[in-house]
Amino acid sequence: RGWRRSKRGRWTMASADGVVAQKLGVEPLTSTVDTGNCEVLNAANPEVLAAMLGEGAPTPMLSDCDEQLLLSVPFRQPVKLHSLLVQSAEGAPKTVKLFTNRHNMTFDDVDDFPPTQVVELANSDYKDGVATIALQFVKFQCVQQLTVFIEDNQDGSDVTQLARLQVFGMPITVTNMNELKKVG
């Protein structure tokens, strides 16, 4: 279960029953994430955020005061989100609430606004420490900001660990008005 590149260069995701489903146009959006403007609240080591959103952090991100983490992930251009890859060894996320296009959210805002999607991960969802979260594609069509709230973890401990969070989907082509040239 998880994402891999096929011989033809297309990204494929293995389903729970082992059948590989091809998703044309779906790709890792690592280069589309605006890592310079990403933020995390309640992290003991926020300096690993950019690495964690890319190929994975050398040391996992750890929650600080309790098990909750709040990540703000802006994109450089609008995207259509398909799925998330979550990698963790111990203290893996359990309840994940996703919010789209909500800027500057705090822990208080998580209770005030309805999430776009709530995902309950079980220990069995993690294969070799990696879980793939399939998103309700129609709810994630024009996303410029993704807020990820990790409410608790599999161990029930005070520390949640997150080694990697990778976003899969497709960028939406937009016209940059500054690049247009006057004709005539």
C-alpha atoms as a PDB file:
ATOM      1  CA  ARG A   1       0.000   0.000   0.000  1.00  0.00           C
ATOM      2  CA  GLY A   2       1.407   3.385  -0.947  1.00  0.00           C
ATOM      3  CA  TRP A   3       2.674   5.365  -3.904  1.00  0.00           C
ATOM      4  CA  ARG A   4       5.335   4.307  -6.397  1.00  0.00           C
ATOM      5  CA  ARG A   5       6.468   5.318  -9.878  1.00  0.00           C
ATOM      6  CA  SER A   6       5.692   2.839 -12.685  1.00  0.00           C
ATOM      7  CA  LYS A   7       8.055   1.964 -15.552  1.00  0.00           C
ATOM      8  CA  ARG A   8       6.209   4.476 -17.739  1.00  0.00           C
ATOM      9  CA  GLY A   9       6.810   7.268 -15.228  1.00  0.00           C
ATOM     10  CA  ARG A  10       3.239   7.417 -13.949  1.00  0.00           C
ATOM     11  CA  TRP A  11       2.471   7.402 -10.254  1.00  0.00           C
ATOM     12  CA  THR A  12       0.434   4.446  -9.018  1.00  0.00           C
ATOM     13  CA  MET A  13      -1.113   3.605  -5.673  1.00  0.00           C
ATOM     14  CA  ALA A  14      -1.522   0.051  -4.430  1.00  0.00           C
ATOM     15  CA  SER A  15      -4.924  -0.527  -2.855  1.00  0.00           C
ATOM     16  CA  ALA A  16      -5.544  -2.616   0.258  1.00  0.00           C
ATOM     17  CA  ASP A  17      -6.348  -5.725  -1.815  1.00  0.00           C
ATOM     18  CA  GLY A  18      -3.071  -5.455  -3.746  1.00  0.00           C
ATOM     19  CA  VAL A  19      -4.564  -4.196  -6.996  1.00  0.00           C
ATOM     20  CA  VAL A  20      -2.594  -1.261  -8.359  1.00  0.00           C
ATOM     21  CA  ALA A  21      -4.778   1.657  -9.438  1.00  0.00           C
ATOM     22  CA  GLN A  22      -3.311   4.111 -11.940  1.00  0.00           C
ATOM     23  CA  LYS A  23      -4.083   7.754 -11.320  1.00  0.00           C
ATOM     24  CA  LEU A  24      -3.237   9.757 -14.414  1.00  0.00           C
ATOM     25  CA  GLY A  25      -2.026  13.231 -13.656  1.00  0.00           C
ATOM     26  CA  VAL A  26      -1.589  12.576  -9.930  1.00  0.00           C
ATOM     27  CA  GLU A  27       1.917  13.351  -8.725  1.00  0.00           C
ATOM     28  CA  PRO A  28       3.773  14.339  -5.565  1.00  0.00           C
ATOM     29  CA  LEU A  29       3.228  18.062  -4.970  1.00  0.00           C
ATOM     30  CA  THR A  30       6.488  18.576  -3.072  1.00  0.00           C
ATOM     31  CA  SER A  31       7.687  21.263  -5.492  1.00  0.00           C
ATOM     32  CA  THR A  32       4.344  23.079  -5.263  1.00  0.00           C
ATOM     33  CA  VAL A  33       4.434  23.372  -1.450  1.00  0.00           C
ATOM     34  CA  ASP A  34       5.558  26.848  -0.342  1.00  0.00           C
ATOM     35  CA  THR A  35       7.934  25.527   2.337  1.00  0.00           C
ATOM     36  CA  GLY A  36       9.121  29.027   3.272  1.00  0.00           C
ATOM     37  CA  ASN A  37       5.648  29.925   4.512  1.00  0.00           C
ATOM     38  CA  CYS A  38       4.746  26.594   6.158  1.00  0.00           C
ATOM     39  CA  GLU A  39       4.112  26.675   9.880  1.00  0.00           C
ATOM     40  CA  VAL A  40       3.625  24.196  12.689  1.00  0.00           C
ATOM     41  CA  LEU A  41       2.219  24.761  16.176  1.00  0.00           C
ATOM     42  CA  ASN A  42       3.134  22.696  19.243  1.00  0.00           C
ATOM     43  CA  ALA A  43       6.253  21.110  17.733  1.00  0.00           C
ATOM     44  CA  ALA A  44       9.318  20.483  19.887  1.00  0.00           C
ATOM     45  CA  ASN A  45      11.515  20.669  16.753  1.00  0.00           C
ATOM     46  CA  PRO A  46       9.814  22.910  14.146  1.00  0.00           C
ATOM     47  CA  GLU A  47      13.068  23.237  12.177  1.00  0.00           C
ATOM     48  CA  VAL A  48      12.444  19.807  10.552  1.00  0.00           C
ATOM     49  CA  LEU A  49       9.139  20.945   8.992  1.00  0.00           C
ATOM     50  CA  ALA A  50      10.487  21.614   5.479  1.00  0.00           C
ATOM     51  CA  ALA A  51      12.318  18.274   5.333  1.00  0.00           C
ATOM     52  CA  MET A  52       9.286  16.431   6.719  1.00  0.00           C
ATOM     53  CA  LEU A  53       7.093  17.859   3.914  1.00  0.00           C
ATOM     54  CA  GLY A  54       9.645  16.745   1.305  1.00  0.00           C
ATOM     55  CA  GLU A  55      11.526  13.477   1.242  1.00  0.00           C
ATOM     56  CA  GLY A  56      11.264  12.954   4.989  1.00  0.00           C
ATOM     57  CA  ALA A  57      13.047  14.370   8.003  1.00  0.00           C
ATOM     58  CA  PRO A  58      16.227  12.712   9.340  1.00  0.00           C
ATOM     59  CA  THR A  59      14.628  12.890  12.784  1.00  0.00           C
ATOM     60  CA  PRO A  60      10.828  12.877  13.168  1.00  0.00           C
ATOM     61  CA  MET A  61       8.880  15.961  14.169  1.00  0.00           C
ATOM     62  CA  LEU A  62       7.731  15.630  17.783  1.00  0.00           C
ATOM     63  CA  SER A  63       4.779  17.274  19.468  1.00  0.00           C
ATOM     64  CA  ASP A  64       5.742  19.404  22.458  1.00  0.00           C
ATOM     65  CA  CYS A  65       3.176  19.995  25.245  1.00  0.00           C
ATOM     66  CA  ASP A  66       0.697  17.267  24.315  1.00  0.00           C
ATOM     67  CA  GLU A  67      -0.072  14.912  21.428  1.00  0.00           C
ATOM     68  CA  GLN A  68      -1.578  17.566  19.141  1.00  0.00           C
ATOM     69  CA  LEU A  69       0.106  19.129  16.100  1.00  0.00           C
ATOM     70  CA  LEU A  70      -1.245  21.837  13.783  1.00  0.00           C
ATOM     71  CA  LEU A  71       0.431  22.167  10.388  1.00  0.00           C
ATOM     72  CA  SER A  72      -0.238  24.927   7.888  1.00  0.00           C
ATOM     73  CA  VAL A  73       0.789  23.999   4.321  1.00  0.00           C
ATOM     74  CA  PRO A  74       0.382  26.728   1.665  1.00  0.00           C
ATOM     75  CA  PHE A  75       0.857  25.999  -2.034  1.00  0.00           C
ATOM     76  CA  ARG A  76       2.513  28.230  -4.644  1.00  0.00           C
ATOM     77  CA  GLN A  77      -0.499  27.771  -6.939  1.00  0.00           C
ATOM     78  CA  PRO A  78      -3.959  26.199  -6.619  1.00  0.00           C
ATOM     79  CA  VAL A  79      -3.925  22.396  -6.564  1.00  0.00           C
ATOM     80  CA  LYS A  80      -6.331  19.464  -6.646  1.00  0.00           C
ATOM     81  CA  LEU A  81      -5.484  17.116  -3.786  1.00  0.00           C
ATOM     82  CA  HIS A  82      -5.865  13.359  -4.135  1.00  0.00           C
ATOM     83  CA  SER A  83      -4.147  11.795  -1.113  1.00  0.00           C
ATOM     84  CA  LEU A  84      -1.645  12.196   1.708  1.00  0.00           C
ATOM     85  CA  LEU A  85       1.212   9.925   2.695  1.00  0.00           C
ATOM     86  CA  VAL A  86       1.925   9.827   6.434  1.00  0.00           C
ATOM     87  CA  GLN A  87       5.097   8.212   7.748  1.00  0.00           C
ATOM     88  CA  SER A  88       5.754   7.588  11.423  1.00  0.00           C
ATOM     89  CA  ALA A  89       7.328   4.903  13.583  1.00  0.00           C
ATOM     90  CA  GLU A  90       6.108   5.482  17.137  1.00  0.00           C
ATOM     91  CA  GLY A  91       3.315   7.795  18.250  1.00  0.00           C
ATOM     92  CA  ALA A  92       1.808   7.728  14.755  1.00  0.00           C
ATOM     93  CA  PRO A  93      -1.159  10.037  14.072  1.00  0.00           C
ATOM     94  CA  LYS A  94      -4.607   8.574  14.729  1.00  0.00           C
ATOM     95  CA  THR A  95      -7.240  11.293  14.250  1.00  0.00           C
ATOM     96  CA  VAL A  96      -6.393  13.709  11.425  1.00  0.00           C
ATOM     97  CA  LYS A  97      -8.633  16.671  10.596  1.00  0.00           C
ATOM     98  CA  LEU A  98      -8.057  18.485   7.304  1.00  0.00           C
ATOM     99  CA  PHE A  99      -9.102  22.056   6.538  1.00  0.00           C
ATOM    100  CA  THR A 100      -8.840  23.737   3.135  1.00  0.00           C
ATOM    101  CA  ASN A 101      -8.168  27.405   2.430  1.00  0.00           C
ATOM    102  CA  ARG A 102      -8.226  28.459   6.105  1.00  0.00           C
ATOM    103  CA  HIS A 103      -5.324  30.788   6.799  1.00  0.00           C
ATOM    104  CA  ASN A 104      -3.671  31.362  10.194  1.00  0.00           C
ATOM    105  CA  MET A 105      -5.633  28.702  12.082  1.00  0.00           C
ATOM    106  CA  THR A 106      -5.004  28.173  15.777  1.00  0.00           C
ATOM    107  CA  PHE A 107      -5.977  25.332  18.096  1.00  0.00           C
ATOM    108  CA  ASP A 108      -9.118  27.310  19.052  1.00  0.00           C
ATOM    109  CA  ASP A 109     -10.133  27.575  15.375  1.00  0.00           C
ATOM    110  CA  VAL A 110     -10.039  23.796  14.981  1.00  0.00           C
ATOM    111  CA  ASP A 111     -13.129  23.553  17.204  1.00  0.00           C
ATOM    112  CA  ASP A 112     -14.856  26.580  15.650  1.00  0.00           C
ATOM    113  CA  PHE A 113     -14.717  25.537  11.968  1.00  0.00           C
ATOM    114  CA  PRO A 114     -15.972  22.291  10.460  1.00  0.00           C
ATOM    115  CA  PRO A 115     -13.162  20.227   8.894  1.00  0.00           C
ATOM    116  CA  THR A 116     -13.206  19.432   5.181  1.00  0.00           C
ATOM    117  CA  GLN A 117     -12.453  15.792   6.043  1.00  0.00           C
ATOM    118  CA  VAL A 118     -11.802  13.779   9.205  1.00  0.00           C
ATOM    119  CA  VAL A 119      -9.688  10.634   8.978  1.00  0.00           C
ATOM    120  CA  GLU A 120      -9.398   7.972  11.680  1.00  0.00           C
ATOM    121  CA  LEU A 121      -6.253   5.906  11.126  1.00  0.00           C
ATOM    122  CA  ALA A 122      -5.860   2.514  12.765  1.00  0.00           C
ATOM    123  CA  ASN A 123      -2.588   0.715  13.505  1.00  0.00           C
ATOM    124  CA  SER A 124      -3.440  -1.648  10.643  1.00  0.00           C
ATOM    125  CA  ASP A 125      -3.437   1.331   8.201  1.00  0.00           C
ATOM    126  CA  TYR A 126       0.309   1.733   8.753  1.00  0.00           C
ATOM    127  CA  LYS A 127       2.339  -0.669   6.594  1.00  0.00           C
ATOM    128  CA  ASP A 128       6.037  -0.433   7.469  1.00  0.00           C
ATOM    129  CA  GLY A 129       5.303   2.868   9.225  1.00  0.00           C
ATOM    130  CA  VAL A 130       3.537   4.416   6.202  1.00  0.00           C
ATOM    131  CA  ALA A 131      -0.187   5.155   5.791  1.00  0.00           C
ATOM    132  CA  THR A 132      -1.893   6.574   2.717  1.00  0.00           C
ATOM    133  CA  ILE A 133      -4.949   8.774   3.287  1.00  0.00           C
ATOM    134  CA  ALA A 134      -7.309   8.860   0.319  1.00  0.00           C
ATOM    135  CA  LEU A 135      -9.056  12.231   0.197  1.00  0.00           C
ATOM    136  CA  GLN A 136     -12.616  12.993  -0.888  1.00  0.00           C
ATOM    137  CA  PHE A 137     -11.400  14.362  -4.210  1.00  0.00           C
ATOM    138  CA  VAL A 138     -14.420  16.616  -4.887  1.00  0.00           C
ATOM    139  CA  LYS A 139     -13.812  18.505  -1.628  1.00  0.00           C
ATOM    140  CA  PHE A 140     -10.174  19.255  -2.478  1.00  0.00           C
ATOM    141  CA  GLN A 141     -10.498  20.773  -5.968  1.00  0.00           C
ATOM    142  CA  CYS A 142      -9.015  24.265  -5.640  1.00  0.00           C
ATOM    143  CA  VAL A 143      -6.747  24.227  -2.599  1.00  0.00           C
ATOM    144  CA  GLN A 144      -4.279  27.020  -1.900  1.00  0.00           C
ATOM    145  CA  GLN A 145      -3.808  26.226   1.798  1.00  0.00           C
ATOM    146  CA  LEU A 146      -4.073  22.902   3.624  1.00  0.00           C
ATOM    147  CA  THR A 147      -4.250  22.842   7.403  1.00  0.00           C
ATOM    148  CA  VAL A 148      -3.591  19.475   9.041  1.00  0.00           C
ATOM    149  CA  PHE A 149      -4.677  19.008  12.652  1.00  0.00           C
ATOM    150  CA  ILE A 150      -3.390  15.858  14.324  1.00  0.00           C
ATOM    151  CA  GLU A 151      -5.625  15.387  17.339  1.00  0.00           C
ATOM    152  CA  ASP A 152      -4.166  12.237  18.907  1.00  0.00           C
ATOM    153  CA  ASN A 153      -1.885   9.294  18.239  1.00  0.00           C
ATOM    154  CA  GLN A 154      -2.004   5.496  18.068  1.00  0.00           C
ATOM    155  CA  ASP A 155      -0.122   5.009  21.351  1.00  0.00           C
ATOM    156  CA  GLY A 156      -2.266   7.371  23.418  1.00  0.00           C
ATOM    157  CA  SER A 157       0.958   9.007  24.587  1.00  0.00           C
ATOM    158  CA  ASP A 158       1.754  12.700  25.018  1.00  0.00           C
ATOM    159  CA  VAL A 159       4.176  12.729  22.064  1.00  0.00           C
ATOM    160  CA  THR A 160       3.110  12.397  18.435  1.00  0.00           C
ATOM    161  CA  GLN A 161       5.858  11.659  15.923  1.00  0.00           C
ATOM    162  CA  LEU A 162       5.724  12.532  12.238  1.00  0.00           C
ATOM    163  CA  ALA A 163       8.668  11.646   9.970  1.00  0.00           C
ATOM    164  CA  ARG A 164       7.033  12.558   6.653  1.00  0.00           C
ATOM    165  CA  LEU A 165       3.873  14.134   5.287  1.00  0.00           C
ATOM    166  CA  GLN A 166       3.695  14.091   1.503  1.00  0.00           C
ATOM    167  CA  VAL A 167       0.849  15.530  -0.557  1.00  0.00           C
ATOM    168  CA  PHE A 168      -0.302  13.949  -3.845  1.00  0.00           C
ATOM    169  CA  GLY A 169      -2.511  15.582  -6.449  1.00  0.00           C
ATOM    170  CA  MET A 170      -2.200  17.827  -9.466  1.00  0.00           C
ATOM    171  CA  PRO A 171      -1.490  21.525  -9.924  1.00  0.00           C
ATOM    172  CA  ILE A 172      -4.166  23.657 -11.532  1.00  0.00           C
ATOM    173  CA  THR A 173      -2.823  25.632 -14.459  1.00  0.00           C
ATOM    174  CA  VAL A 174      -3.422  29.332 -13.938  1.00  0.00           C
ATOM    175  CA  THR A 175      -2.637  32.361 -16.071  1.00  0.00           C
ATOM    176  CA  ASN A 176      -0.067  34.760 -14.660  1.00  0.00           C
ATOM    177  CA  MET A 177      -1.372  38.170 -15.732  1.00  0.00           C
ATOM    178  CA  ASN A 178       2.119  39.696 -15.319  1.00  0.00           C
ATOM    179  CA  GLU A 179       3.472  37.440 -18.077  1.00  0.00           C
ATOM    180  CA  LEU A 180       0.921  38.595 -20.678  1.00  0.00           C
ATOM    181  CA  LYS A 181       2.260  40.960 -23.321  1.00  0.00           C
ATOM    182  CA  LYS A 182       0.326  43.671 -25.034  1.00  0.00           C
ATOM    183  CA  VAL A 183      -0.346  42.944 -28.710  1.00  0.00           C
ATOM    184  CA  GLY A 184      -0.818  45.658 -31.319  1.00  0.00           C
END
